[in-house]
Amino acid sequence: MKADKRLSNRKEVYPLRISSLSVLDNMTKLVRHGIILNASPQGMLLHIKREDIIPRSLRGSLTLDALIGDLIAVKIDDMDLELSGAITRTKFLGKRGFELAIDYSSDAPLYWRECLMDLLPTPEEFDDLQKGVDNLITLKSGKRNR
């Protein structure tokens, strides 16, 4: 099964902010903000800045390996969604912070996780949206770029 996770296609997502990451056992809030970098039907990769880590003991550490295996809940306000899963690995990025890999809960059906992949926005979708907005502004102002 571990090999399956490595073969999953990862989808780069538009930087989607999380508003919290909490441990499910005691509902301790660990992180106040983060960004989803990419996702797959098995899990997601988060970027966490050091200053967004709440417990001082973790904020001053060079590793978050103590969190590996913890069951967590991640809240994504933009999608009004809360996901649960487990932290499977962490990576120290120096001054930029940390990466956390999260596998979704085993009770989440595969079809639901695949549907979630379709709903997560990609950077290209927002590029297309921005081009459309730029064109609309150009048309309204009466100026055309040639």
N, C-alpha and C. Protein backbone atom coordinates (compact mmCIF):
# COMPACT_ATOMS: atom_id res chain seq x y z
N MET A 1 0.82 -1.19 0.00
CA MET A 1 0.00 0.00 0.00
C MET A 1 0.87 1.25 0.00
N LYS A 2 2.01 1.23 0.65
CA LYS A 2 2.87 2.39 0.69
C LYS A 2 3.34 2.75 -0.72
N ALA A 3 3.59 1.73 -1.55
CA ALA A 3 4.00 1.98 -2.93
C ALA A 3 2.92 2.71 -3.70
N ASP A 4 1.62 2.43 -3.41
CA ASP A 4 0.52 3.10 -4.09
C ASP A 4 0.57 4.60 -3.86
N LYS A 5 0.92 5.01 -2.64
CA LYS A 5 0.96 6.42 -2.31
C LYS A 5 2.02 7.14 -3.13
N ARG A 6 3.11 6.50 -3.39
CA ARG A 6 4.19 7.12 -4.15
C ARG A 6 3.82 7.26 -5.62
N LEU A 7 2.93 6.42 -6.11
CA LEU A 7 2.56 6.44 -7.53
C LEU A 7 1.41 7.40 -7.81
N SER A 8 0.79 7.95 -6.78
CA SER A 8 -0.34 8.85 -6.97
C SER A 8 0.08 10.11 -7.70
N ASN A 9 -0.78 10.54 -8.62
CA ASN A 9 -0.52 11.80 -9.29
C ASN A 9 -0.81 12.93 -8.34
N ARG A 10 0.16 13.79 -8.17
CA ARG A 10 -0.01 14.96 -7.32
C ARG A 10 -0.50 16.10 -8.19
N LYS A 11 -1.40 16.87 -7.66
CA LYS A 11 -1.97 18.01 -8.36
C LYS A 11 -1.48 19.28 -7.68
N GLU A 12 -0.79 20.12 -8.43
CA GLU A 12 -0.38 21.41 -7.88
C GLU A 12 -1.64 22.25 -7.77
N VAL A 13 -1.86 22.81 -6.60
CA VAL A 13 -3.07 23.59 -6.39
C VAL A 13 -2.72 25.06 -6.24
N TYR A 14 -3.70 25.90 -6.57
CA TYR A 14 -3.55 27.33 -6.32
C TYR A 14 -3.33 27.49 -4.83
N PRO A 15 -2.39 28.33 -4.41
CA PRO A 15 -2.09 28.42 -2.98
C PRO A 15 -3.35 28.64 -2.14
N LEU A 16 -3.84 27.56 -1.60
CA LEU A 16 -5.07 27.55 -0.81
C LEU A 16 -4.69 27.60 0.65
N ARG A 17 -5.19 28.58 1.37
CA ARG A 17 -4.81 28.77 2.77
C ARG A 17 -5.63 27.88 3.69
N ILE A 18 -4.93 27.35 4.70
CA ILE A 18 -5.63 26.67 5.78
C ILE A 18 -5.69 27.65 6.95
N SER A 19 -6.76 27.59 7.72
CA SER A 19 -6.90 28.53 8.84
C SER A 19 -6.55 27.89 10.17
N SER A 20 -6.40 26.58 10.20
CA SER A 20 -5.96 25.93 11.43
C SER A 20 -5.59 24.48 11.15
N LEU A 21 -4.74 23.98 12.03
CA LEU A 21 -4.37 22.56 12.03
C LEU A 21 -4.36 22.17 13.50
N SER A 22 -5.22 21.23 13.88
CA SER A 22 -5.38 20.84 15.28
C SER A 22 -5.20 19.34 15.44
N VAL A 23 -4.69 18.93 16.60
CA VAL A 23 -4.57 17.52 16.94
C VAL A 23 -5.95 17.03 17.39
N LEU A 24 -6.41 15.92 16.82
CA LEU A 24 -7.76 15.43 17.13
C LEU A 24 -7.89 14.86 18.54
N ASP A 25 -6.82 14.25 19.07
CA ASP A 25 -6.90 13.62 20.40
C ASP A 25 -7.33 14.60 21.47
N ASN A 26 -6.75 15.79 21.48
CA ASN A 26 -7.07 16.75 22.54
C ASN A 26 -7.50 18.12 21.99
N MET A 27 -7.71 18.20 20.70
CA MET A 27 -8.14 19.42 20.00
C MET A 27 -7.20 20.61 20.27
N THR A 28 -5.92 20.32 20.44
CA THR A 28 -4.92 21.36 20.58
C THR A 28 -4.63 21.95 19.22
N LYS A 29 -4.73 23.26 19.12
CA LYS A 29 -4.44 23.94 17.86
C LYS A 29 -2.93 24.07 17.73
N LEU A 30 -2.35 23.49 16.66
CA LEU A 30 -0.91 23.51 16.44
C LEU A 30 -0.47 24.66 15.54
N VAL A 31 -1.29 24.93 14.51
CA VAL A 31 -0.90 25.89 13.48
C VAL A 31 -2.07 26.82 13.22
N ARG A 32 -1.77 28.12 13.09
CA ARG A 32 -2.86 29.08 12.84
C ARG A 32 -3.04 29.37 11.35
N HIS A 33 -2.01 29.19 10.53
CA HIS A 33 -2.12 29.42 9.09
C HIS A 33 -1.15 28.50 8.36
N GLY A 34 -1.47 28.21 7.12
CA GLY A 34 -0.59 27.42 6.26
C GLY A 34 -1.11 27.48 4.85
N ILE A 35 -0.37 26.85 3.93
CA ILE A 35 -0.76 26.85 2.52
C ILE A 35 -0.66 25.42 1.99
N ILE A 36 -1.67 25.00 1.24
CA ILE A 36 -1.64 23.70 0.57
C ILE A 36 -0.84 23.88 -0.71
N LEU A 37 0.25 23.12 -0.84
CA LEU A 37 1.11 23.21 -2.02
C LEU A 37 0.64 22.28 -3.14
N ASN A 38 0.33 21.04 -2.78
CA ASN A 38 -0.19 20.10 -3.76
C ASN A 38 -0.99 19.03 -3.03
N ALA A 39 -1.72 18.25 -3.80
CA ALA A 39 -2.60 17.24 -3.21
C ALA A 39 -2.74 16.06 -4.15
N SER A 40 -3.16 14.96 -3.59
CA SER A 40 -3.46 13.75 -4.36
C SER A 40 -4.66 13.09 -3.67
N PRO A 41 -5.21 12.03 -4.25
CA PRO A 41 -6.32 11.35 -3.58
C PRO A 41 -5.92 10.73 -2.23
N GLN A 42 -4.63 10.60 -1.96
CA GLN A 42 -4.18 10.02 -0.70
C GLN A 42 -3.90 11.08 0.37
N GLY A 43 -3.52 12.29 -0.04
CA GLY A 43 -3.17 13.29 0.96
C GLY A 43 -2.76 14.62 0.35
N MET A 44 -2.14 15.46 1.19
CA MET A 44 -1.74 16.79 0.74
C MET A 44 -0.43 17.19 1.37
N LEU A 45 0.20 18.18 0.77
CA LEU A 45 1.45 18.72 1.27
C LEU A 45 1.21 20.17 1.67
N LEU A 46 1.55 20.50 2.93
CA LEU A 46 1.34 21.84 3.45
C LEU A 46 2.66 22.55 3.67
N HIS A 47 2.65 23.87 3.51
CA HIS A 47 3.79 24.70 3.89
C HIS A 47 3.36 25.51 5.11
N ILE A 48 4.17 25.43 6.16
CA ILE A 48 3.87 26.11 7.42
C ILE A 48 5.05 27.02 7.76
N LYS A 49 4.77 28.29 8.01
CA LYS A 49 5.82 29.20 8.47
C LYS A 49 6.03 28.99 9.96
N ARG A 50 7.28 29.16 10.39
CA ARG A 50 7.62 28.95 11.80
C ARG A 50 6.76 29.82 12.72
N GLU A 51 6.52 31.08 12.34
CA GLU A 51 5.77 31.99 13.20
C GLU A 51 4.29 31.61 13.32
N ASP A 52 3.79 30.72 12.45
CA ASP A 52 2.40 30.28 12.52
C ASP A 52 2.21 29.04 13.39
N ILE A 53 3.31 28.48 13.89
CA ILE A 53 3.23 27.34 14.81
C ILE A 53 2.94 27.90 16.20
N ILE A 54 1.93 27.37 16.85
CA ILE A 54 1.48 27.93 18.12
C ILE A 54 2.32 27.47 19.33
N PRO A 55 2.51 26.15 19.56
CA PRO A 55 3.29 25.76 20.73
C PRO A 55 4.75 26.23 20.63
N ARG A 56 5.20 26.95 21.63
CA ARG A 56 6.57 27.49 21.62
C ARG A 56 7.62 26.38 21.51
N SER A 57 7.34 25.24 22.11
CA SER A 57 8.30 24.13 22.08
C SER A 57 8.55 23.66 20.64
N LEU A 58 7.52 23.69 19.80
CA LEU A 58 7.67 23.29 18.40
C LEU A 58 8.24 24.42 17.56
N ARG A 59 7.86 25.64 17.86
CA ARG A 59 8.32 26.80 17.09
C ARG A 59 9.84 26.94 17.17
N GLY A 60 10.43 26.62 18.31
CA GLY A 60 11.87 26.76 18.48
C GLY A 60 12.67 25.56 18.00
N SER A 61 11.98 24.54 17.52
CA SER A 61 12.64 23.30 17.10
C SER A 61 13.03 23.35 15.63
N LEU A 62 14.03 22.54 15.28
CA LEU A 62 14.43 22.41 13.88
C LEU A 62 13.71 21.25 13.20
N THR A 63 12.89 20.54 13.94
CA THR A 63 12.17 19.41 13.37
C THR A 63 10.77 19.33 13.98
N LEU A 64 9.83 18.87 13.19
CA LEU A 64 8.47 18.62 13.67
C LEU A 64 8.18 17.12 13.67
N ASP A 65 9.25 16.32 13.69
CA ASP A 65 9.08 14.86 13.63
C ASP A 65 8.26 14.31 14.80
N ALA A 66 8.17 15.03 15.90
CA ALA A 66 7.36 14.59 17.04
C ALA A 66 5.88 14.50 16.67
N LEU A 67 5.48 15.18 15.58
CA LEU A 67 4.07 15.18 15.15
C LEU A 67 3.72 14.01 14.24
N ILE A 68 4.73 13.31 13.74
CA ILE A 68 4.46 12.21 12.80
C ILE A 68 3.58 11.16 13.46
N GLY A 69 2.50 10.81 12.79
CA GLY A 69 1.54 9.84 13.29
C GLY A 69 0.36 10.46 14.00
N ASP A 70 0.45 11.74 14.35
CA ASP A 70 -0.67 12.40 15.02
C ASP A 70 -1.87 12.54 14.09
N LEU A 71 -3.06 12.25 14.61
CA LEU A 71 -4.30 12.46 13.86
C LEU A 71 -4.66 13.93 13.99
N ILE A 72 -4.93 14.57 12.86
CA ILE A 72 -5.15 16.01 12.86
C ILE A 72 -6.41 16.38 12.06
N ALA A 73 -6.85 17.61 12.26
CA ALA A 73 -7.93 18.20 11.47
C ALA A 73 -7.40 19.48 10.86
N VAL A 74 -7.65 19.66 9.57
CA VAL A 74 -7.21 20.84 8.84
C VAL A 74 -8.46 21.58 8.36
N LYS A 75 -8.51 22.88 8.61
CA LYS A 75 -9.66 23.68 8.18
C LYS A 75 -9.27 24.57 7.01
N ILE A 76 -10.06 24.48 5.92
CA ILE A 76 -9.86 25.30 4.73
C ILE A 76 -11.07 26.22 4.63
N ASP A 77 -10.90 27.47 5.04
CA ASP A 77 -12.03 28.41 5.07
C ASP A 77 -12.58 28.71 3.68
N ASP A 78 -11.71 28.87 2.69
CA ASP A 78 -12.16 29.21 1.34
C ASP A 78 -13.13 28.18 0.77
N MET A 79 -13.03 26.94 1.21
CA MET A 79 -13.90 25.88 0.73
C MET A 79 -14.93 25.48 1.79
N ASP A 80 -14.90 26.13 2.95
CA ASP A 80 -15.76 25.79 4.08
C ASP A 80 -15.70 24.28 4.33
N LEU A 81 -14.46 23.79 4.53
CA LEU A 81 -14.20 22.36 4.59
C LEU A 81 -13.23 22.05 5.72
N GLU A 82 -13.48 20.96 6.41
CA GLU A 82 -12.54 20.48 7.42
C GLU A 82 -12.20 19.04 7.07
N LEU A 83 -10.91 18.76 6.95
CA LEU A 83 -10.42 17.44 6.59
C LEU A 83 -9.67 16.83 7.76
N SER A 84 -9.75 15.53 7.90
CA SER A 84 -8.97 14.86 8.93
C SER A 84 -7.98 13.92 8.28
N GLY A 85 -6.91 13.66 8.99
CA GLY A 85 -5.88 12.79 8.47
C GLY A 85 -4.79 12.58 9.50
N ALA A 86 -3.63 12.14 9.03
CA ALA A 86 -2.48 11.90 9.91
C ALA A 86 -1.25 12.50 9.27
N ILE A 87 -0.39 13.07 10.09
CA ILE A 87 0.88 13.61 9.59
C ILE A 87 1.81 12.43 9.34
N THR A 88 2.30 12.33 8.10
CA THR A 88 3.14 11.19 7.74
C THR A 88 4.62 11.54 7.62
N ARG A 89 4.93 12.80 7.32
CA ARG A 89 6.33 13.22 7.29
C ARG A 89 6.41 14.73 7.40
N THR A 90 7.58 15.19 7.82
CA THR A 90 7.83 16.62 7.93
C THR A 90 9.18 16.92 7.31
N LYS A 91 9.37 18.18 6.91
CA LYS A 91 10.65 18.58 6.32
C LYS A 91 10.95 20.01 6.75
N PHE A 92 12.15 20.23 7.27
CA PHE A 92 12.59 21.56 7.66
C PHE A 92 13.08 22.30 6.41
N LEU A 93 12.60 23.52 6.19
CA LEU A 93 12.96 24.30 5.01
C LEU A 93 13.82 25.52 5.36
N GLY A 94 14.45 25.50 6.50
CA GLY A 94 15.26 26.64 6.91
C GLY A 94 14.37 27.81 7.30
N LYS A 95 14.74 29.00 6.87
CA LYS A 95 13.99 30.21 7.23
C LYS A 95 12.57 30.22 6.68
N ARG A 96 12.32 29.44 5.64
CA ARG A 96 10.98 29.40 5.03
C ARG A 96 9.96 28.65 5.86
N GLY A 97 10.41 27.81 6.80
CA GLY A 97 9.47 27.08 7.65
C GLY A 97 9.57 25.58 7.48
N PHE A 98 8.40 24.94 7.33
CA PHE A 98 8.32 23.48 7.28
C PHE A 98 7.33 23.03 6.22
N GLU A 99 7.54 21.81 5.76
CA GLU A 99 6.53 21.12 4.95
C GLU A 99 5.99 19.97 5.80
N LEU A 100 4.69 19.78 5.73
CA LEU A 100 4.04 18.66 6.40
C LEU A 100 3.25 17.87 5.38
N ALA A 101 3.49 16.57 5.33
CA ALA A 101 2.71 15.69 4.46
C ALA A 101 1.61 15.05 5.31
N ILE A 102 0.40 15.12 4.81
CA ILE A 102 -0.76 14.60 5.53
C ILE A 102 -1.48 13.59 4.65
N ASP A 103 -1.74 12.42 5.20
CA ASP A 103 -2.56 11.42 4.53
C ASP A 103 -3.98 11.54 5.08
N TYR A 104 -4.97 11.52 4.18
CA TYR A 104 -6.36 11.61 4.61
C TYR A 104 -6.73 10.41 5.47
N SER A 105 -7.77 10.56 6.27
CA SER A 105 -8.25 9.47 7.12
C SER A 105 -8.62 8.26 6.27
N SER A 106 -8.39 7.10 6.83
CA SER A 106 -8.68 5.87 6.10
C SER A 106 -10.17 5.66 5.89
N ASP A 107 -11.01 6.34 6.69
CA ASP A 107 -12.45 6.17 6.53
C ASP A 107 -13.04 7.07 5.44
N ALA A 108 -12.22 7.93 4.83
CA ALA A 108 -12.70 8.78 3.72
C ALA A 108 -12.73 7.94 2.45
N PRO A 109 -13.89 7.78 1.83
CA PRO A 109 -14.00 6.95 0.63
C PRO A 109 -13.15 7.50 -0.53
N LEU A 110 -12.60 6.60 -1.32
CA LEU A 110 -11.74 6.98 -2.44
C LEU A 110 -12.47 7.90 -3.41
N TYR A 111 -13.75 7.62 -3.73
CA TYR A 111 -14.47 8.48 -4.67
C TYR A 111 -14.59 9.89 -4.14
N TRP A 112 -14.73 10.06 -2.82
CA TRP A 112 -14.81 11.40 -2.22
C TRP A 112 -13.48 12.12 -2.38
N ARG A 113 -12.38 11.40 -2.13
CA ARG A 113 -11.05 12.00 -2.25
C ARG A 113 -10.75 12.38 -3.70
N GLU A 114 -11.22 11.58 -4.65
CA GLU A 114 -11.02 11.91 -6.07
C GLU A 114 -11.87 13.13 -6.46
N CYS A 115 -13.08 13.23 -5.94
CA CYS A 115 -13.92 14.41 -6.19
C CYS A 115 -13.27 15.66 -5.61
N LEU A 116 -12.65 15.54 -4.45
CA LEU A 116 -11.95 16.68 -3.85
C LEU A 116 -10.85 17.17 -4.78
N MET A 117 -10.15 16.26 -5.43
CA MET A 117 -9.09 16.65 -6.36
C MET A 117 -9.64 17.51 -7.49
N ASP A 118 -10.85 17.17 -7.97
CA ASP A 118 -11.48 17.95 -9.03
C ASP A 118 -11.87 19.35 -8.56
N LEU A 119 -12.19 19.48 -7.27
CA LEU A 119 -12.64 20.76 -6.74
C LEU A 119 -11.50 21.71 -6.36
N LEU A 120 -10.33 21.16 -6.08
CA LEU A 120 -9.20 22.02 -5.70
C LEU A 120 -8.75 22.85 -6.89
N PRO A 121 -8.61 24.16 -6.72
CA PRO A 121 -8.24 25.03 -7.85
C PRO A 121 -6.77 24.89 -8.23
N THR A 122 -6.50 24.93 -9.53
CA THR A 122 -5.12 24.89 -10.02
C THR A 122 -4.65 26.30 -10.34
N PRO A 123 -3.34 26.53 -10.36
CA PRO A 123 -2.84 27.86 -10.72
C PRO A 123 -3.31 28.32 -12.10
N GLU A 124 -3.44 27.39 -13.05
CA GLU A 124 -3.87 27.74 -14.41
C GLU A 124 -5.28 28.30 -14.43
N GLU A 125 -6.16 27.76 -13.58
CA GLU A 125 -7.53 28.26 -13.53
C GLU A 125 -7.55 29.73 -13.10
N PHE A 126 -6.69 30.09 -12.19
CA PHE A 126 -6.65 31.47 -11.73
C PHE A 126 -5.95 32.37 -12.73
N ASP A 127 -4.98 31.83 -13.50
CA ASP A 127 -4.37 32.60 -14.58
C ASP A 127 -5.41 32.95 -15.63
N ASP A 128 -6.24 31.94 -16.00
CA ASP A 128 -7.31 32.17 -16.98
C ASP A 128 -8.32 33.18 -16.46
N LEU A 129 -8.66 33.08 -15.18
CA LEU A 129 -9.60 34.01 -14.58
C LEU A 129 -9.03 35.43 -14.61
N GLN A 130 -7.76 35.58 -14.27
CA GLN A 130 -7.14 36.90 -14.25
C GLN A 130 -7.09 37.49 -15.66
N LYS A 131 -6.79 36.65 -16.67
CA LYS A 131 -6.78 37.14 -18.05
C LYS A 131 -8.16 37.65 -18.44
N GLY A 132 -9.21 36.92 -18.02
CA GLY A 132 -10.57 37.34 -18.32
C GLY A 132 -10.91 38.66 -17.64
N VAL A 133 -10.47 38.84 -16.41
CA VAL A 133 -10.71 40.09 -15.69
C VAL A 133 -9.96 41.22 -16.37
N ASP A 134 -8.70 40.99 -16.76
CA ASP A 134 -7.91 42.01 -17.45
C ASP A 134 -8.57 42.42 -18.76
N ASN A 135 -9.09 41.45 -19.51
CA ASN A 135 -9.76 41.75 -20.78
C ASN A 135 -11.03 42.55 -20.54
N LEU A 136 -11.78 42.22 -19.50
CA LEU A 136 -13.01 42.94 -19.18
C LEU A 136 -12.69 44.39 -18.81
N ILE A 137 -11.65 44.60 -18.02
CA ILE A 137 -11.25 45.96 -17.65
C ILE A 137 -10.83 46.74 -18.89
N THR A 138 -10.10 46.09 -19.79
CA THR A 138 -9.66 46.75 -21.02
C THR A 138 -10.86 47.15 -21.87
N LEU A 139 -11.84 46.25 -22.00
CA LEU A 139 -13.02 46.53 -22.81
C LEU A 139 -13.85 47.67 -22.20
N LYS A 140 -13.99 47.68 -20.88
CA LYS A 140 -14.77 48.72 -20.22
C LYS A 140 -14.10 50.09 -20.33
N SER A 141 -12.77 50.10 -20.32
CA SER A 141 -12.07 51.40 -20.41
C SER A 141 -11.96 51.89 -21.85
N GLY A 142 -12.29 51.02 -22.79
CA GLY A 142 -12.25 51.41 -24.20
C GLY A 142 -10.87 51.29 -24.82
N LYS A 143 -9.92 50.80 -24.08
CA LYS A 143 -8.56 50.64 -24.60
C LYS A 143 -8.34 49.18 -24.94
N ARG A 144 -7.69 48.96 -26.03
CA ARG A 144 -7.36 47.60 -26.44
C ARG A 144 -5.87 47.47 -26.56
N ASN A 145 -5.34 46.36 -26.07
CA ASN A 145 -3.91 46.12 -26.22
C ASN A 145 -3.66 45.51 -27.58
N ARG A 146 -2.73 46.09 -28.32
CA ARG A 146 -2.43 45.55 -29.64
C ARG A 146 -0.98 45.23 -29.75
